[in-house]
Amino acid sequence: MTHEEQRIWLIQELLNEQPEYSRYKIPAAEQEQKNLLRALMNVRMPADISQEFKAVQDEYLLEENARAGIVDIEALIPLKCDSRLYLWQGDMTCLKVDAITNPANSGLVGCFRPLHNCADNLVHTKAGIQLRCTCNRIMKAQGHEEPTGQAKITPGYNLPCKYILHTVGPIVQGRLTKEHERLLASCYMSCLNLATEKDLKSVAFCCISTGVFMFPNRRAAEIAVETVRNWLEETGSRMKIVFNVYKDLDLAIYRDLLSSY
């Protein structure tokens, strides 16, 4: 199958899973097809899928992710203040590192809102259907929602990274409290400690809890930088840490904070 044929085949397979989707027609435009495939993946409940589907999906996603551009950490320039630290602006799912962080919700199985513009949605879409199934098995074994400030690890599947560190950040509704700050610091510590247990050499951190979780961007960045630097100093670890930002606002904040070291 060509790349286009793979996309159409995957869409049709997902449509066939649910009788209520039978009225949907596959659009002719490429971007509309991509949107439909992503939406169908977003709403699909965690369930087994055929080996044939996984094989076609994996080949398709690997090609899609390659076309989006892969950025190897070895091509990035470390900060002058500390050769273990990096600041990079872009789509985290393009990074070739040992692990990226996924700012998950307490259900840990991804975002079910079709085409929602959150990192959790994008990570699950680009990794593939296996990720939601793996997360679901973890949650079933755990028997309760994922606590704020902790972390779980899964394979990266079709992403350039080897692993994904899933962590639930605090949601700020109203006044920012010391407990919010403690829990956010715990997200970073939990990811770093888990990465150490797995002998990972590089981790990319997104701006955890900002955006829809409403943690103030400046304070979130201060906690991220302080927590990571203190951990590196206390452990003596040579792990490479990428502060990954997407918005220009966060880039300016991190540049300001890191320039003072």
Protein backbone atom coordinates (compact mmCIF):
# COMPACT_ATOMS: atom_id res chain seq x y z
CA MET A 1 0.00 0.00 0.00
CA THR A 2 1.07 3.56 -0.65
CA HIS A 3 1.11 6.03 2.22
CA GLU A 4 -2.25 7.43 1.12
CA GLU A 5 -3.70 3.93 0.77
CA GLN A 6 -2.53 3.11 4.29
CA ARG A 7 -4.32 6.19 5.68
CA ILE A 8 -7.58 5.33 3.91
CA TRP A 9 -7.32 1.69 5.00
CA LEU A 10 -6.80 2.68 8.65
CA ILE A 11 -9.76 5.06 8.55
CA GLN A 12 -12.00 2.38 7.06
CA GLU A 13 -10.94 -0.18 9.66
CA LEU A 14 -11.75 2.22 12.50
CA LEU A 15 -15.07 3.14 10.93
CA ASN A 16 -15.94 -0.54 10.58
CA GLU A 17 -15.39 -1.09 14.32
CA GLN A 18 -18.43 0.99 15.21
CA PRO A 19 -21.77 0.60 13.39
CA GLU A 20 -22.75 4.16 14.27
CA TYR A 21 -19.86 5.41 12.13
CA SER A 22 -21.17 3.70 8.98
CA ARG A 23 -22.69 6.95 7.69
CA TYR A 24 -19.29 8.63 7.59
CA LYS A 25 -17.71 8.98 4.17
CA ILE A 26 -13.96 9.24 3.79
CA PRO A 27 -13.19 12.72 2.43
CA ALA A 28 -11.07 13.20 -0.66
CA ALA A 29 -8.79 15.94 0.71
CA GLU A 30 -5.59 14.76 2.39
CA GLN A 31 -5.81 17.00 5.45
CA GLU A 32 -9.45 16.09 6.00
CA GLN A 33 -8.47 12.42 5.89
CA LYS A 34 -5.71 13.05 8.44
CA ASN A 35 -8.13 14.87 10.71
CA LEU A 36 -10.66 12.06 10.49
CA LEU A 37 -8.03 9.42 11.26
CA ARG A 38 -6.81 11.40 14.26
CA ALA A 39 -10.37 11.96 15.51
CA LEU A 40 -11.17 8.25 15.24
CA MET A 41 -8.00 7.39 17.16
CA ASN A 42 -8.86 10.00 19.79
CA VAL A 43 -12.32 8.60 20.55
CA ARG A 44 -11.43 4.90 20.33
CA MET A 45 -11.70 3.16 23.67
CA PRO A 46 -8.70 1.04 24.73
CA ALA A 47 -9.23 -2.38 23.19
CA ASP A 48 -7.24 -5.00 21.35
CA ILE A 49 -6.53 -4.39 17.71
CA SER A 50 -5.43 -6.81 14.99
CA GLN A 51 -1.76 -7.37 14.21
CA GLU A 52 -2.49 -6.30 10.65
CA PHE A 53 -3.88 -2.97 11.85
CA LYS A 54 -0.87 -2.37 14.10
CA ALA A 55 1.54 -3.19 11.29
CA VAL A 56 -0.11 -0.79 8.85
CA GLN A 57 -0.58 1.89 11.52
CA ASP A 58 3.04 1.68 12.65
CA GLU A 59 4.39 1.98 9.13
CA TYR A 60 2.07 4.90 8.47
CA LEU A 61 2.87 6.77 11.69
CA LEU A 62 6.61 6.26 11.42
CA GLU A 63 6.49 7.84 7.97
CA GLU A 64 4.22 10.67 9.16
CA ASN A 65 6.48 11.43 12.10
CA ALA A 66 9.56 11.35 9.88
CA ARG A 67 7.91 13.79 7.46
CA ALA A 68 7.15 16.13 10.35
CA GLY A 69 10.87 16.27 11.07
CA ILE A 70 12.87 14.55 13.80
CA VAL A 71 15.19 16.59 16.01
CA ASP A 72 17.98 14.60 17.66
CA ILE A 73 19.20 15.89 21.01
CA GLU A 74 22.73 15.42 19.70
CA ALA A 75 22.03 18.24 17.24
CA LEU A 76 21.00 20.67 19.99
CA ILE A 77 23.38 23.12 21.63
CA PRO A 78 23.57 22.91 25.44
CA LEU A 79 23.35 25.98 27.63
CA LYS A 80 26.58 27.75 28.53
CA CYS A 81 25.67 27.65 32.21
CA ASP A 82 25.40 23.84 32.30
CA SER A 83 26.24 21.40 29.50
CA ARG A 84 23.50 19.06 30.74
CA LEU A 85 20.72 21.60 30.08
CA TYR A 86 19.05 22.53 26.81
CA LEU A 87 16.31 24.97 25.82
CA TRP A 88 14.39 24.13 22.65
CA GLN A 89 11.23 25.51 21.10
CA GLY A 90 9.06 23.23 19.00
CA ASP A 91 6.81 20.19 18.91
CA MET A 92 7.95 17.83 21.67
CA THR A 93 6.81 14.77 19.71
CA CYS A 94 9.58 15.48 17.17
CA LEU A 95 12.37 15.09 19.73
CA LYS A 96 14.66 12.08 19.56
CA VAL A 97 15.52 11.67 23.24
CA ASP A 98 15.30 8.78 25.66
CA ALA A 99 12.02 10.12 27.08
CA ILE A 100 9.57 12.95 26.67
CA THR A 101 7.03 13.98 29.28
CA ASN A 102 3.32 13.74 28.65
CA PRO A 103 1.17 16.09 30.75
CA ALA A 104 -1.57 13.54 31.35
CA ASN A 105 -4.94 13.70 33.06
CA SER A 106 -5.72 11.53 36.09
CA GLY A 107 -7.24 8.81 33.88
CA LEU A 108 -3.84 8.43 32.18
CA VAL A 109 -5.33 6.93 29.01
CA GLY A 110 -5.16 10.06 26.89
CA CYS A 111 -7.48 12.79 25.68
CA PHE A 112 -10.75 11.57 24.14
CA ARG A 113 -11.74 14.95 22.64
CA PRO A 114 -11.42 14.71 18.84
CA LEU A 115 -8.59 16.87 17.50
CA HIS A 116 -8.13 18.61 20.85
CA ASN A 117 -5.04 20.79 20.79
CA CYS A 118 -3.43 19.47 23.97
CA ALA A 119 -0.10 17.69 24.30
CA ASP A 120 -1.77 14.57 25.71
CA ASN A 121 -3.92 14.26 22.59
CA LEU A 122 -0.98 14.78 20.25
CA VAL A 123 1.30 12.34 22.06
CA HIS A 124 -1.26 9.54 21.95
CA THR A 125 -2.14 10.23 18.31
CA LYS A 126 1.46 10.16 17.08
CA ALA A 127 2.47 7.21 19.26
CA GLY A 128 -0.41 5.03 18.07
CA ILE A 129 -3.30 3.06 19.48
CA GLN A 130 -0.97 0.79 21.49
CA LEU A 131 -0.18 3.63 23.89
CA ARG A 132 -3.75 3.98 25.14
CA CYS A 133 -4.00 0.20 25.55
CA THR A 134 -0.77 0.10 27.57
CA CYS A 135 -1.87 2.99 29.77
CA ASN A 136 -5.20 1.27 30.32
CA ARG A 137 -3.47 -1.91 31.51
CA ILE A 138 -1.38 0.17 33.93
CA MET A 139 -4.47 1.87 35.31
CA LYS A 140 -6.43 -1.35 35.66
CA ALA A 141 -3.57 -2.90 37.61
CA GLN A 142 -3.30 0.22 39.76
CA GLY A 143 -7.02 0.27 40.51
CA HIS A 144 -7.36 4.01 41.01
CA GLU A 145 -6.75 7.30 39.24
CA GLU A 146 -3.19 8.51 38.87
CA PRO A 147 -2.30 10.83 41.77
CA THR A 148 -1.11 14.33 40.98
CA GLY A 149 2.65 14.70 41.10
CA GLN A 150 3.57 11.09 40.34
CA ALA A 151 4.75 9.49 37.09
CA LYS A 152 4.41 6.35 35.00
CA ILE A 153 6.55 5.20 32.08
CA THR A 154 5.57 3.54 28.80
CA PRO A 155 7.30 2.84 25.50
CA GLY A 156 7.25 5.66 22.95
CA TYR A 157 5.97 3.30 20.24
CA ASN A 158 6.00 5.25 16.96
CA LEU A 159 7.45 8.46 18.39
CA PRO A 160 11.17 9.24 17.95
CA CYS A 161 11.64 8.98 21.74
CA LYS A 162 12.21 5.59 23.37
CA TYR A 163 9.88 6.22 26.31
CA ILE A 164 7.11 8.50 27.55
CA LEU A 165 6.93 9.73 31.14
CA HIS A 166 3.28 10.39 31.98
CA THR A 167 2.71 12.80 34.85
CA VAL A 168 -0.42 14.53 36.16
CA GLY A 169 0.20 18.15 37.06
CA PRO A 170 -1.86 20.21 39.47
CA ILE A 171 -4.89 22.09 38.17
CA VAL A 172 -5.01 25.67 39.40
CA GLN A 173 -8.53 26.96 39.89
CA GLY A 174 -8.39 30.31 41.60
CA ARG A 175 -5.45 31.30 43.79
CA LEU A 176 -2.09 29.59 43.36
CA THR A 177 -1.16 27.78 46.58
CA LYS A 178 1.97 26.26 48.08
CA GLU A 179 0.37 22.86 47.58
CA HIS A 180 0.06 23.51 43.85
CA GLU A 181 3.74 24.43 43.79
CA ARG A 182 4.75 21.34 45.79
CA LEU A 183 2.81 19.05 43.48
CA LEU A 184 4.31 20.60 40.35
CA ALA A 185 7.82 20.15 41.74
CA SER A 186 6.86 16.55 42.52
CA CYS A 187 5.98 15.98 38.84
CA TYR A 188 9.52 16.87 37.83
CA MET A 189 11.11 14.90 40.66
CA SER A 190 8.99 11.82 39.93
CA CYS A 191 9.94 11.89 36.25
CA LEU A 192 13.63 12.38 37.01
CA ASN A 193 13.71 9.60 39.57
CA LEU A 194 11.83 7.21 37.28
CA ALA A 195 14.18 8.08 34.41
CA THR A 196 17.13 7.28 36.67
CA GLU A 197 15.62 3.91 37.62
CA LYS A 198 15.35 3.08 33.92
CA ASP A 199 18.91 4.33 33.26
CA LEU A 200 17.73 6.95 30.77
CA LYS A 201 20.30 9.44 29.53
CA SER A 202 18.07 12.26 28.29
CA VAL A 203 14.62 13.64 29.15
CA ALA A 204 12.59 16.44 27.56
CA PHE A 205 10.24 18.35 29.85
CA CYS A 206 7.27 20.26 28.49
CA CYS A 207 5.71 23.14 30.45
CA ILE A 208 3.75 20.89 32.79
CA SER A 209 0.41 22.22 34.12
CA THR A 210 0.43 25.45 32.10
CA GLY A 211 -2.23 25.94 29.44
CA VAL A 212 -5.51 24.20 30.23
CA PHE A 213 -4.32 23.33 33.78
CA MET A 214 -3.91 27.08 34.36
CA PHE A 215 -0.66 27.10 36.34
CA PRO A 216 0.91 30.58 35.89
CA ASN A 217 3.63 30.26 33.24
CA ARG A 218 6.34 32.22 35.03
CA ARG A 219 5.99 30.43 38.35
CA ALA A 220 5.75 27.05 36.61
CA ALA A 221 9.03 27.74 34.81
CA GLU A 222 10.72 28.86 38.02
CA ILE A 223 9.72 25.61 39.73
CA ALA A 224 10.83 23.53 36.74
CA VAL A 225 14.27 25.12 36.53
CA GLU A 226 14.84 25.14 40.29
CA THR A 227 13.73 21.51 40.73
CA VAL A 228 15.82 20.20 37.84
CA ARG A 229 18.95 22.12 38.81
CA ASN A 230 18.70 21.11 42.46
CA TRP A 231 18.21 17.48 41.46
CA LEU A 232 21.22 17.55 39.16
CA GLU A 233 23.36 19.14 41.87
CA GLU A 234 22.23 16.72 44.58
CA THR A 235 22.56 13.56 42.48
CA GLY A 236 25.53 14.53 40.32
CA SER A 237 23.66 12.97 37.39
CA ARG A 238 24.94 13.52 33.86
CA MET A 239 21.43 13.16 32.43
CA LYS A 240 20.68 15.61 29.65
CA ILE A 241 17.56 17.71 30.28
CA VAL A 242 15.68 19.58 27.57
CA PHE A 243 13.33 22.35 28.63
CA ASN A 244 10.90 22.13 25.72
CA VAL A 245 8.70 25.14 25.10
CA TYR A 246 6.11 25.72 22.42
CA LYS A 247 4.88 29.27 22.99
CA ASP A 248 6.99 32.39 22.49
CA LEU A 249 5.91 33.47 25.98
CA ASP A 250 7.48 30.42 27.59
CA LEU A 251 10.62 30.74 25.49
CA ALA A 252 11.14 34.29 26.76
CA ILE A 253 10.52 33.22 30.36
CA TYR A 254 12.97 30.30 30.24
CA ARG A 255 15.61 32.40 28.49
CA ASP A 256 15.35 34.97 31.25
CA LEU A 257 15.50 32.41 34.06
CA LEU A 258 18.37 30.39 32.60
CA SER A 259 20.43 33.46 31.74
CA SER A 260 20.73 34.24 35.45
CA TYR A 261 22.64 31.01 36.19
